[in-house]
Protein backbone atom coordinates (compact mmCIF):
# COMPACT_ATOMS: atom_id res chain seq x y z
CA MET A 1 -24.36 -5.31 -20.81
CA VAL A 2 -21.04 -3.40 -20.95
CA LEU A 3 -19.32 -6.12 -18.95
CA ASN A 4 -20.76 -8.69 -21.36
CA TYR A 5 -19.28 -6.92 -24.38
CA ILE A 6 -15.89 -6.49 -22.70
CA TRP A 7 -15.82 -10.16 -21.70
CA ILE A 8 -16.61 -11.26 -25.28
CA ALA A 9 -13.98 -8.83 -26.61
CA PHE A 10 -11.29 -10.48 -24.46
CA PHE A 11 -11.87 -13.81 -26.22
CA VAL A 12 -12.39 -12.47 -29.75
CA ILE A 13 -9.30 -10.23 -29.70
CA ALA A 14 -7.19 -12.94 -28.08
CA PHE A 15 -8.26 -15.53 -30.65
CA ALA A 16 -7.63 -13.18 -33.58
CA ILE A 17 -4.14 -12.28 -32.36
CA ALA A 18 -3.28 -15.92 -31.67
CA LEU A 19 -4.46 -16.91 -35.16
CA VAL A 20 -2.27 -14.24 -36.76
CA LYS A 21 0.72 -15.41 -34.72
CA LEU A 22 0.15 -19.01 -35.79
CA VAL A 23 -0.48 -18.39 -39.50
CA PHE A 24 2.03 -15.62 -40.22
CA PHE A 25 4.74 -16.19 -37.61
CA GLY A 26 4.53 -19.94 -37.01
CA ASP A 27 3.98 -19.52 -33.27
CA PHE A 28 2.70 -22.97 -32.28
CA ASP A 29 2.88 -22.18 -28.56
CA VAL A 30 0.26 -19.46 -28.40
CA PHE A 31 -2.87 -21.63 -28.47
CA PRO A 32 -1.53 -24.12 -25.87
CA ALA A 33 -0.64 -21.12 -23.69
CA MET A 34 -4.17 -19.74 -24.03
CA MET A 35 -5.74 -23.08 -23.14
CA ASP A 36 -3.42 -23.47 -20.17
CA SER A 37 -4.50 -20.03 -19.00
CA THR A 38 -8.18 -21.06 -19.05
CA PHE A 39 -7.50 -23.97 -16.70
CA SER A 40 -5.13 -22.06 -14.42
CA SER A 41 -7.51 -19.05 -14.25
CA SER A 42 -10.45 -21.30 -13.39
CA LYS A 43 -8.41 -22.88 -10.62
CA THR A 44 -7.37 -19.45 -9.36
CA ALA A 45 -11.00 -18.28 -9.29
CA PHE A 46 -12.02 -21.28 -7.20
CA GLU A 47 -9.05 -20.84 -4.86
CA ILE A 48 -9.93 -17.17 -4.36
CA SER A 49 -13.53 -18.08 -3.52
CA LEU A 50 -12.37 -20.87 -1.22
CA GLY A 51 -9.94 -18.50 0.48
CA LEU A 52 -12.73 -15.97 0.98
CA THR A 53 -14.98 -18.49 2.72
CA GLY A 54 -13.35 -18.27 6.14
CA VAL A 55 -12.93 -14.49 5.98
CA LEU A 56 -16.53 -13.99 4.83
CA ALA A 57 -17.81 -16.25 7.57
CA LEU A 58 -15.81 -14.33 10.17
CA TRP A 59 -16.81 -10.83 9.15
CA LEU A 60 -20.42 -11.50 8.30
CA GLY A 61 -20.69 -13.19 11.68
CA ILE A 62 -19.23 -10.11 13.39
CA MET A 63 -21.55 -7.87 11.34
CA LYS A 64 -24.56 -9.88 12.49
CA ILE A 65 -23.57 -9.25 16.12
CA GLY A 66 -23.15 -5.56 15.28
CA GLU A 67 -26.60 -5.41 13.71
CA ARG A 68 -28.30 -6.98 16.70
CA GLY A 69 -26.21 -4.90 19.09
CA GLY A 70 -27.34 -1.68 17.41
CA VAL A 71 -23.89 -0.52 16.25
CA VAL A 72 -24.78 -0.48 12.57
CA ASN A 73 -27.91 1.57 13.26
CA VAL A 74 -25.86 4.13 15.23
CA LEU A 75 -23.40 4.48 12.33
CA ALA A 76 -26.33 4.82 9.94
CA ARG A 77 -27.79 7.73 11.90
CA LEU A 78 -24.43 9.51 12.16
CA LEU A 79 -23.75 9.20 8.43
CA SER A 80 -27.25 9.94 7.18
CA PRO A 81 -26.62 13.65 6.36
CA VAL A 82 -23.82 12.75 3.93
CA PHE A 83 -25.11 9.45 2.60
CA THR A 84 -28.56 10.82 1.84
CA LYS A 85 -26.79 13.13 -0.64
CA LEU A 86 -24.51 10.53 -2.25
CA PHE A 87 -27.09 7.72 -1.99
CA PRO A 88 -30.44 9.51 -2.31
CA SER A 89 -32.30 6.25 -3.04
CA ILE A 90 -31.36 4.78 0.36
CA PRO A 91 -33.85 5.70 3.13
CA LYS A 92 -32.49 7.97 5.83
CA GLY A 93 -31.04 5.97 8.73
CA HIS A 94 -31.12 2.63 6.90
CA PRO A 95 -28.60 0.10 8.33
CA VAL A 96 -26.87 -0.23 4.96
CA THR A 97 -25.19 3.15 5.50
CA GLY A 98 -23.32 1.67 8.45
CA SER A 99 -22.16 -1.26 6.31
CA ILE A 100 -21.04 1.10 3.52
CA PHE A 101 -19.05 3.20 5.97
CA MET A 102 -17.31 0.19 7.50
CA ASN A 103 -16.40 -1.15 4.06
CA ILE A 104 -14.93 2.19 2.98
CA ALA A 105 -13.04 2.51 6.28
CA ALA A 106 -11.56 -0.99 5.86
CA ASN A 107 -10.45 -0.14 2.30
CA MET A 108 -8.84 3.11 3.44
CA LEU A 109 -6.79 1.19 6.02
CA GLY A 110 -5.73 -1.44 3.47
CA LEU A 111 -7.72 -4.17 5.24
CA ASP A 112 -8.78 -6.04 2.09
CA ASN A 113 -9.82 -9.19 3.95
CA ALA A 114 -12.24 -7.18 6.06
CA ALA A 115 -13.43 -4.86 3.26
CA THR A 116 -14.73 -7.59 0.93
CA PRO A 117 -17.20 -9.25 3.32
CA LEU A 118 -18.35 -5.87 4.60
CA GLY A 119 -18.91 -4.77 1.01
CA LEU A 120 -20.85 -7.94 0.19
CA LYS A 121 -23.04 -7.32 3.22
CA ALA A 122 -23.73 -3.79 2.00
CA MET A 123 -24.62 -5.09 -1.47
CA GLU A 124 -27.11 -7.58 0.00
CA GLN A 125 -28.78 -4.80 1.97
CA MET A 126 -28.95 -2.54 -1.10
CA GLN A 127 -30.41 -5.42 -3.12
CA GLU A 128 -33.29 -5.57 -0.61
CA LEU A 129 -34.09 -1.96 -1.57
CA ASN A 130 -33.57 -2.57 -5.29
CA LYS A 131 -36.81 -2.74 -7.29
CA LYS A 132 -35.19 -4.35 -10.35
CA LYS A 133 -33.34 -7.34 -8.90
CA ASP A 134 -31.26 -8.07 -12.02
CA THR A 135 -30.25 -4.43 -12.63
CA ALA A 136 -27.76 -2.36 -10.63
CA SER A 137 -29.35 0.53 -8.72
CA ASP A 138 -27.81 4.01 -8.52
CA ALA A 139 -26.77 3.35 -4.92
CA MET A 140 -25.01 0.12 -5.90
CA ILE A 141 -23.10 1.86 -8.67
CA MET A 142 -21.95 4.73 -6.45
CA PHE A 143 -20.83 2.17 -3.87
CA LEU A 144 -18.97 0.14 -6.50
CA VAL A 145 -17.16 3.22 -7.80
CA LEU A 146 -16.07 4.17 -4.27
CA ASN A 147 -14.57 0.68 -4.01
CA THR A 148 -12.98 0.52 -7.47
CA SER A 149 -11.35 3.95 -7.06
CA GLY A 150 -9.31 2.29 -4.31
CA LEU A 151 -8.99 5.09 -1.70
CA THR A 152 -6.20 3.84 0.60
CA LEU A 153 -4.54 5.76 3.41
CA ILE A 154 -2.03 3.09 4.44
CA PRO A 155 -0.64 0.99 1.51
CA VAL A 156 1.24 -1.40 3.79
CA SER A 157 1.62 -4.28 1.30
CA ILE A 158 3.24 -2.08 -1.35
CA LEU A 159 5.73 -0.70 1.16
CA VAL A 160 6.60 -4.26 2.20
CA TYR A 161 7.18 -5.30 -1.43
CA ARG A 162 9.48 -2.33 -1.96
CA ALA A 163 11.48 -3.25 1.14
CA GLN A 164 11.80 -6.84 -0.08
CA MET A 165 12.99 -5.63 -3.49
CA GLY A 166 15.80 -3.63 -1.89
CA ALA A 167 14.46 -0.07 -2.15
CA ALA A 168 16.72 2.41 -0.33
CA GLN A 169 13.63 4.17 1.06
CA PRO A 170 10.57 1.88 0.69
CA THR A 171 8.18 4.56 1.94
CA ASP A 172 9.12 7.18 -0.65
CA VAL A 173 6.01 6.25 -2.68
CA PHE A 174 3.65 6.72 0.27
CA MET A 175 2.62 10.31 -0.42
CA PRO A 176 2.37 9.87 -4.23
CA ILE A 177 0.07 6.85 -3.69
CA LEU A 178 -2.08 8.76 -1.22
CA LEU A 179 -2.44 11.71 -3.60
CA ALA A 180 -3.15 9.55 -6.67
CA THR A 181 -5.76 7.37 -4.95
CA PHE A 182 -7.46 10.46 -3.50
CA PHE A 183 -7.79 12.04 -6.95
CA SER A 184 -9.08 8.74 -8.34
CA THR A 185 -11.80 8.57 -5.69
CA LEU A 186 -12.70 12.23 -6.10
CA ALA A 187 -13.00 11.77 -9.88
CA GLY A 188 -15.14 8.66 -9.35
CA ILE A 189 -17.57 10.54 -7.09
CA ILE A 190 -17.82 13.46 -9.52
CA VAL A 191 -18.34 11.29 -12.63
CA THR A 192 -20.94 9.07 -10.96
CA SER A 193 -22.73 12.10 -9.54
CA LEU A 194 -22.95 13.62 -13.01
CA TYR A 195 -24.39 10.36 -14.37
CA GLN A 196 -26.92 10.21 -11.55
CA ARG A 197 -27.57 13.97 -11.42
CA ILE A 198 -26.50 14.32 -7.80
CA ASN A 199 -25.98 17.91 -6.64
CA LEU A 200 -22.35 18.13 -5.50
CA LEU A 201 -22.70 21.81 -4.60
CA SER A 202 -24.86 21.13 -1.55
CA ARG A 203 -23.43 22.41 1.71
CA THR A 204 -23.17 18.94 3.23
CA LEU A 205 -21.16 17.45 0.37
CA LEU A 206 -18.91 20.50 0.04
CA LEU A 207 -18.08 20.37 3.76
CA THR A 208 -17.53 16.60 3.62
CA LEU A 209 -15.27 16.65 0.57
CA GLY A 210 -13.42 19.68 1.95
CA GLY A 211 -12.96 17.93 5.27
CA ALA A 212 -11.70 14.83 3.47
CA CYS A 213 -9.12 16.94 1.63
CA ALA A 214 -7.99 18.47 4.93
CA PHE A 215 -7.79 15.05 6.58
CA VAL A 216 -5.71 13.61 3.73
CA ALA A 217 -3.38 16.61 3.97
CA ALA A 218 -3.01 16.05 7.73
CA VAL A 219 -2.24 12.35 7.26
CA ILE A 220 0.37 13.15 4.62
CA TRP A 221 2.01 15.69 6.91
CA GLY A 222 1.96 13.36 9.92
CA PHE A 223 3.57 10.43 8.14
CA SER A 224 6.08 12.67 6.38
CA GLN A 225 7.54 13.47 9.82
CA MET A 226 8.42 9.79 10.41
CA ASP A 227 11.31 7.72 9.11
CA GLY A 228 10.57 4.64 6.98
CA GLU A 229 10.77 2.04 9.76
CA LEU A 230 8.55 4.02 12.12
CA MET A 231 6.02 4.70 9.35
CA ASN A 232 5.66 0.98 8.62
CA LYS A 233 5.24 0.14 12.32
CA VAL A 234 2.71 2.90 12.97
CA SER A 235 0.62 2.19 9.87
CA THR A 236 0.50 -1.55 10.55
CA SER A 237 -0.31 -1.01 14.22
CA ILE A 238 -3.10 1.47 13.49
CA ALA A 239 -4.72 -0.90 11.01
CA ASN A 240 -4.61 -3.90 13.35
CA ILE A 241 -5.69 -1.96 16.44
CA LEU A 242 -8.71 -0.53 14.63
CA LEU A 243 -9.62 -3.94 13.28
CA MET A 244 -9.55 -5.57 16.71
CA THR A 245 -11.39 -2.58 18.20
CA ILE A 246 -14.24 -3.13 15.74
CA ILE A 247 -14.50 -6.81 16.69
CA ILE A 248 -14.44 -6.17 20.45
CA GLY A 249 -16.75 -3.16 20.13
CA PHE A 250 -19.37 -5.16 18.26
CA ILE A 251 -19.22 -7.98 20.78
CA LEU A 252 -19.54 -5.58 23.75
CA ALA A 253 -22.48 -3.85 22.04
CA GLY A 254 -24.11 -7.26 21.66
CA VAL A 255 -23.52 -8.02 25.35
CA ARG A 256 -25.01 -4.66 26.31
CA LYS A 257 -28.15 -5.44 24.29
CA LYS A 258 -28.25 -8.95 25.81
CA VAL A 259 -27.72 -10.56 22.40
CA ASN A 260 -26.66 -14.21 22.20
CA CYS A 261 -23.41 -13.29 20.45
CA TYR A 262 -22.40 -16.85 19.67
CA ASP A 263 -25.70 -17.72 17.94
CA ALA A 264 -25.68 -14.40 16.08
CA PHE A 265 -22.12 -15.01 14.88
CA VAL A 266 -22.95 -18.51 13.64
CA GLU A 267 -26.02 -17.23 11.78
CA GLY A 268 -23.97 -14.55 10.01
CA ALA A 269 -21.14 -16.98 9.29
CA LYS A 270 -23.55 -19.29 7.46
CA ASP A 271 -24.36 -16.41 5.11
CA GLY A 272 -20.63 -15.99 4.50
CA PHE A 273 -20.30 -19.58 3.30
CA THR A 274 -23.24 -19.36 0.88
CA THR A 275 -21.98 -16.04 -0.48
CA ALA A 276 -18.52 -17.47 -1.19
CA VAL A 277 -20.07 -20.34 -3.15
CA ARG A 278 -22.37 -18.02 -5.07
CA ILE A 279 -19.58 -15.84 -6.49
CA ILE A 280 -17.54 -18.73 -7.96
CA PRO A 281 -19.16 -18.70 -11.47
CA TYR A 282 -18.71 -14.93 -11.80
CA LEU A 283 -15.06 -15.06 -10.78
CA VAL A 284 -14.35 -17.94 -13.17
CA ALA A 285 -15.90 -16.00 -16.05
CA VAL A 286 -13.91 -12.81 -15.43
CA LEU A 287 -10.54 -14.38 -14.61
CA VAL A 288 -10.63 -16.79 -17.57
CA GLY A 289 -11.32 -13.90 -19.96
CA ILE A 290 -8.43 -11.91 -18.52
CA GLY A 291 -6.11 -14.93 -18.60
CA VAL A 292 -6.78 -15.64 -22.28
CA PHE A 293 -6.24 -11.97 -23.15
CA ARG A 294 -2.85 -11.97 -21.43
CA ALA A 295 -1.71 -15.34 -22.82
CA SER A 296 -2.41 -14.30 -26.41
CA GLY A 297 0.06 -11.43 -26.14
CA ALA A 298 -2.65 -8.80 -26.57
CA MET A 299 -1.49 -6.93 -23.47
CA ASP A 300 2.09 -6.70 -24.76
CA MET A 301 0.90 -5.44 -28.13
CA LEU A 302 -1.22 -2.80 -26.44
CA ILE A 303 1.73 -1.52 -24.40
CA ASP A 304 4.01 -1.43 -27.45
CA GLY A 305 1.36 0.50 -29.38
CA ILE A 306 0.97 3.09 -26.63
CA GLY A 307 4.75 3.52 -26.48
CA TRP A 308 4.94 4.13 -30.22
CA VAL A 309 2.16 6.74 -30.08
CA VAL A 310 3.76 8.57 -27.15
CA LYS A 311 7.15 8.74 -28.90
CA ALA A 312 5.50 9.84 -32.17
CA CYS A 313 3.92 12.76 -30.29
CA GLY A 314 7.33 13.82 -29.03
CA MET A 315 6.44 13.14 -25.39
CA ASP A 316 8.62 11.57 -22.71
CA SER A 317 7.97 7.83 -22.78
CA ASP A 318 9.65 6.80 -19.53
CA PHE A 319 6.27 6.04 -17.96
CA VAL A 320 5.23 3.55 -20.67
CA ALA A 321 7.29 0.70 -19.20
CA ALA A 322 5.20 0.91 -16.01
CA LEU A 323 1.86 0.86 -17.83
CA PRO A 324 1.37 -2.95 -17.65
CA THR A 325 0.72 -2.54 -13.93
CA ALA A 326 -1.82 0.22 -14.57
CA LEU A 327 -3.62 -1.67 -17.33
CA MET A 328 -3.64 -4.94 -15.40
CA LYS A 329 -4.91 -3.43 -12.12
CA PRO A 330 -8.58 -3.09 -13.21
CA LEU A 331 -8.47 -6.70 -14.44
CA SER A 332 -6.53 -8.61 -11.81
CA GLY A 333 -5.05 -7.61 -8.46
CA SER A 334 -2.58 -10.50 -8.39
CA GLY A 335 -1.67 -9.87 -12.04
CA ALA A 336 -0.98 -6.20 -11.34
CA ARG A 337 1.05 -7.15 -8.28
CA GLY A 338 3.13 -9.46 -10.47
CA MET A 339 3.63 -6.66 -13.02
CA MET A 340 4.72 -4.31 -10.21
CA VAL A 341 7.28 -6.80 -8.88
CA ASP A 342 8.49 -7.50 -12.42
CA ALA A 343 8.98 -3.76 -13.05
CA MET A 344 11.02 -3.39 -9.85
CA THR A 345 13.05 -6.50 -10.73
CA THR A 346 13.75 -5.36 -14.30
CA PHE A 347 14.34 -1.63 -13.79
CA GLY A 348 15.15 -1.47 -10.07
CA ALA A 349 13.00 -0.64 -7.06
CA ASP A 350 14.32 2.94 -6.95
CA SER A 351 14.00 3.59 -10.69
CA PHE A 352 11.30 5.87 -12.05
CA VAL A 353 9.51 2.88 -13.61
CA GLY A 354 9.75 0.86 -10.39
CA ARG A 355 8.32 3.65 -8.29
CA LEU A 356 5.60 4.52 -10.81
CA SER A 357 4.47 0.90 -10.99
CA CYS A 358 4.05 0.94 -7.19
CA VAL A 359 1.99 4.12 -7.37
CA PHE A 360 -0.16 2.57 -10.12
CA GLN A 361 -0.70 -0.46 -7.90
CA GLY A 362 -1.90 1.71 -5.02
CA SER A 363 -3.86 4.36 -6.91
CA THR A 364 -6.87 2.24 -8.01
CA ASP A 365 -8.46 -1.13 -7.34
CA THR A 366 -9.42 -4.23 -9.33
CA THR A 367 -12.50 -2.86 -11.07
CA PHE A 368 -13.65 -5.98 -12.92
CA TYR A 369 -12.91 -8.28 -9.98
CA ILE A 370 -15.01 -6.07 -7.69
CA LEU A 371 -17.80 -5.87 -10.26
CA ALA A 372 -17.82 -9.65 -10.66
CA VAL A 373 -17.76 -10.41 -6.94
CA TYR A 374 -20.10 -7.71 -5.65
CA PHE A 375 -22.68 -7.83 -8.43
CA GLY A 376 -22.38 -11.60 -8.72
CA SER A 377 -23.13 -12.02 -5.01
CA VAL A 378 -26.61 -10.55 -5.48
CA GLY A 379 -27.33 -11.76 -9.03
CA ILE A 380 -26.97 -8.43 -10.86
CA ARG A 381 -26.80 -8.94 -14.64
CA TYR A 382 -27.19 -5.39 -15.98
CA THR A 383 -24.48 -3.09 -14.62
CA ARG A 384 -25.64 0.12 -16.40
CA HIS A 385 -22.97 2.84 -16.05
CA ALA A 386 -20.94 1.07 -13.33
CA VAL A 387 -18.16 -0.06 -15.70
CA ALA A 388 -17.85 3.36 -17.37
CA CYS A 389 -17.68 5.24 -14.07
CA GLY A 390 -15.27 2.74 -12.54
CA LEU A 391 -12.91 2.87 -15.52
CA LEU A 392 -13.02 6.68 -15.65
CA ALA A 393 -12.03 6.75 -11.98
CA ASP A 394 -9.19 4.34 -12.84
CA LEU A 395 -8.12 6.59 -15.71
CA ALA A 396 -8.04 9.60 -13.36
CA GLY A 397 -5.88 7.58 -10.98
CA ILE A 398 -3.48 6.58 -13.76
CA ILE A 399 -3.10 10.14 -15.08
CA SER A 400 -2.68 11.49 -11.54
CA ALA A 401 -0.08 8.82 -10.76
CA ILE A 402 1.98 9.72 -13.85
CA ALA A 403 1.84 13.47 -13.15
CA ILE A 404 2.60 13.06 -9.44
CA CYS A 405 5.53 10.69 -10.06
CA TYR A 406 7.08 13.12 -12.55
CA MET A 407 6.69 15.80 -9.86
CA PHE A 408 8.26 13.64 -7.11
CA PHE A 409 10.75 11.48 -9.02
CA GLY A 410 11.03 12.85 -12.56
């Protein structure tokens, strides 16, 4: 229901602002711009779904081989101690825990093309356990928040954009991004656990979260010892090597279990095609609402208002110019990427605003896009507290990014 209200608000606010612009300021371009955005956003939604078809077919095919080869079951058993705490409604050792782990691992490595189909597979498996088929379960919401908080260890694409924009040291945002995205994910877990009354003080969760903090610290230290060129090469190589290792490992596991890998792959790939088609209406709905909101000028007004409030409170307002990236990120990944590039073009890649916009881009994920795709793939209509928890995790990432950037670059 929350997503429904937000979607309606996009249109109502956009229409009201456009009407004011037309009547009081004689802006005859605003309504044509809004209508153009509806068509272009619809086209974009279809193109995204079409682009996902091949990737979904590939990874759901590989996942099917992994299921029949027993790999997913092995991962499920290994992760059961932790996942039974975070996902108490999922039976111990259920294959979905393996799918959840692989999705999270792909996100951490910045492998978006692999993470989406793995996430959709996990959602389908959780839907099988869901008693209310049109309502998000607690497990689904926790999984969504882990995705929307955007935990990423290797933000390769952002580093590439900075290099293209002429940054003197493209990797100087690496550690700030890693810290901000970690705090976003940690906040998401805590908030969702409070909603769902999950005991975070259990020994298993304390050890896991403590180990995660230690691992993040080790990764930060390791990459900080490298120069920019070596860091890019190592991070890209690690991501691609792990990705190919997963594919080969699943196939070898299938061979060991005497699975007909080709037939299993084709069966899983068919599911990928149907899933891509099924999410089209949900993507169209979300992206059109966002497009109209942007075209009306509502986003610009919001940023200007925040800047005025910050200055009125006597606070430093240098960060305000980077906020479009932060506010756009939950709505549209490509939109936020465009805002990031625009900030680096306008203020410079090595400016405070340019760097902060990059950290915003890497600190969280596209909350509404993920909600639309993942919930839409299994027909969920009632999202319960998913939107609230996802946006609170985003807010934690934004605040962390601002504080960390002032510490590193201020």
